[in-house]
Amino acid sequence: MPDLFAPTPRTGASSNCGNVKRWVRDLFVLADEATVMVTELRCSEAGCPPLETVIAILSVDGNRQYKMHKPMAEVTQDDLRGLAAHAEPSNGSVKWGKGEN
C-alpha cells in the first residue's frame, strides 16, 4: 500500500507556484489580506491550450481572474508584467499567453 503522507517530488509547476504568487502580489501591489490562488489546468477541448495557468486574486477591492496560455513552470516575471500592464481594474478576467503579448 502506498504511503499517502510521504513527500512527493516537486514538479516544475509546483516549484514555480510560490514565485508566481509572490510576483503577482508585488506587481498588483496587493494588501496582506488579499488571497492569490495559482492553478494549472489541463484541457482536452478543441482550440484549448493543453495546459494553462489560472491566477485568481480575491480581495475586498473585488475578485479578478487571469489566464495564461502556458504551463505554470514556464510563467516568468516578465509574463506577469505584461499581464498586469493589460489588466484593467474593472475587468475581472484577462487572457494572456502565446501570441497575445
Protein backbone atom coordinates (compact mmCIF):
# COMPACT_ATOMS: atom_id res chain seq x y z
CA MET A 1 0.00 0.00 0.00
CA PRO A 2 1.45 3.41 -0.96
CA ASP A 3 2.27 5.88 1.79
CA LEU A 4 -0.20 8.72 1.21
CA PHE A 5 1.68 11.01 3.58
CA ALA A 6 5.11 10.61 2.03
CA PRO A 7 6.52 13.79 0.48
CA THR A 8 6.11 13.96 -3.26
CA PRO A 9 8.80 15.29 -5.57
CA ARG A 10 8.15 18.86 -6.69
CA THR A 11 7.32 19.30 -10.33
CA GLY A 12 8.15 22.40 -12.32
CA ALA A 13 4.63 23.72 -11.75
CA SER A 14 4.58 23.35 -8.01
CA SER A 15 8.11 24.68 -7.59
CA ASN A 16 7.18 27.85 -9.55
CA CYS A 17 3.85 28.37 -7.77
CA GLY A 18 5.40 30.29 -4.86
CA ASN A 19 7.30 32.54 -7.26
CA VAL A 20 4.18 33.30 -9.29
CA LYS A 21 2.18 34.16 -6.15
CA ARG A 22 4.92 36.45 -4.88
CA TRP A 23 5.31 38.19 -8.26
CA VAL A 24 1.53 38.71 -8.55
CA ARG A 25 1.39 40.15 -5.03
CA ASP A 26 4.24 42.57 -5.82
CA LEU A 27 3.10 43.61 -9.33
CA PHE A 28 -0.52 44.22 -8.33
CA VAL A 29 0.52 45.81 -5.00
CA LEU A 30 -1.88 43.65 -3.02
CA ALA A 31 -2.78 44.08 0.63
CA ASP A 32 -1.74 41.34 3.04
CA GLU A 33 -5.40 40.33 3.38
CA ALA A 34 -5.71 39.56 -0.35
CA THR A 35 -5.60 35.92 -1.40
CA VAL A 36 -3.68 34.84 -4.50
CA MET A 37 -4.51 31.42 -5.95
CA VAL A 38 -2.48 29.93 -8.80
CA THR A 39 -3.70 26.78 -10.55
CA GLU A 40 -2.55 24.83 -13.58
CA LEU A 41 -5.38 23.33 -15.61
CA ARG A 42 -5.31 20.67 -18.28
CA CYS A 43 -7.74 20.99 -21.19
CA SER A 44 -8.57 18.47 -23.90
CA GLU A 45 -11.19 20.54 -25.77
CA ALA A 46 -10.52 21.69 -29.33
CA GLY A 47 -8.75 25.05 -29.52
CA CYS A 48 -7.82 24.99 -25.85
CA PRO A 49 -4.12 25.00 -24.87
CA PRO A 50 -3.05 21.67 -23.33
CA LEU A 51 -2.02 23.42 -20.09
CA GLU A 52 -2.91 26.88 -18.86
CA THR A 53 -2.18 28.76 -15.67
CA VAL A 54 -5.08 30.48 -13.91
CA ILE A 55 -4.40 33.23 -11.40
CA ALA A 56 -7.18 34.40 -9.09
CA ILE A 57 -6.93 37.41 -6.81
CA LEU A 58 -9.53 37.60 -4.04
CA SER A 59 -9.65 40.93 -2.20
CA VAL A 60 -12.02 43.45 -0.67
CA ASP A 61 -11.46 45.59 -3.79
CA GLY A 62 -13.00 42.85 -5.93
CA ASN A 63 -12.09 39.47 -7.31
CA ARG A 64 -10.08 39.12 -10.51
CA GLN A 65 -9.08 36.16 -12.65
CA TYR A 66 -6.34 35.91 -15.26
CA LYS A 67 -5.47 33.07 -17.62
CA MET A 68 -2.09 32.48 -19.17
CA HIS A 69 -1.88 30.03 -22.06
CA LYS A 70 1.22 28.28 -20.80
CA PRO A 71 2.17 25.78 -18.08
CA MET A 72 2.90 27.23 -14.64
CA ALA A 73 6.51 26.05 -14.84
CA GLU A 74 7.03 28.38 -17.84
CA VAL A 75 5.44 31.50 -16.33
CA THR A 76 8.01 34.25 -15.83
CA GLN A 77 8.01 37.57 -14.06
CA ASP A 78 8.03 39.27 -17.49
CA ASP A 79 4.86 37.37 -18.43
CA LEU A 80 3.17 38.72 -15.33
CA ARG A 81 4.37 42.26 -16.04
CA GLY A 82 2.67 42.02 -19.44
CA LEU A 83 -0.48 40.68 -17.85
CA ALA A 84 -0.51 43.49 -15.25
CA ALA A 85 0.03 46.10 -17.97
CA HIS A 86 -3.05 44.87 -19.87
CA ALA A 87 -5.25 44.33 -16.82
CA GLU A 88 -7.99 46.82 -16.18
CA PRO A 89 -9.19 47.20 -12.59
CA SER A 90 -12.83 46.96 -13.69
CA ASN A 91 -12.25 43.86 -15.83
CA GLY A 92 -12.44 40.65 -13.83
CA SER A 93 -10.88 38.38 -16.46
CA VAL A 94 -7.90 38.71 -18.78
CA LYS A 95 -6.44 36.04 -21.05
CA TRP A 96 -2.72 36.32 -21.72
CA GLY A 97 -0.37 33.93 -23.41
CA LYS A 98 1.44 32.94 -26.54
CA GLY A 99 0.61 35.31 -29.36
CA GLU A 100 -1.13 37.78 -27.05
CA ASN A 101 1.82 39.62 -25.56
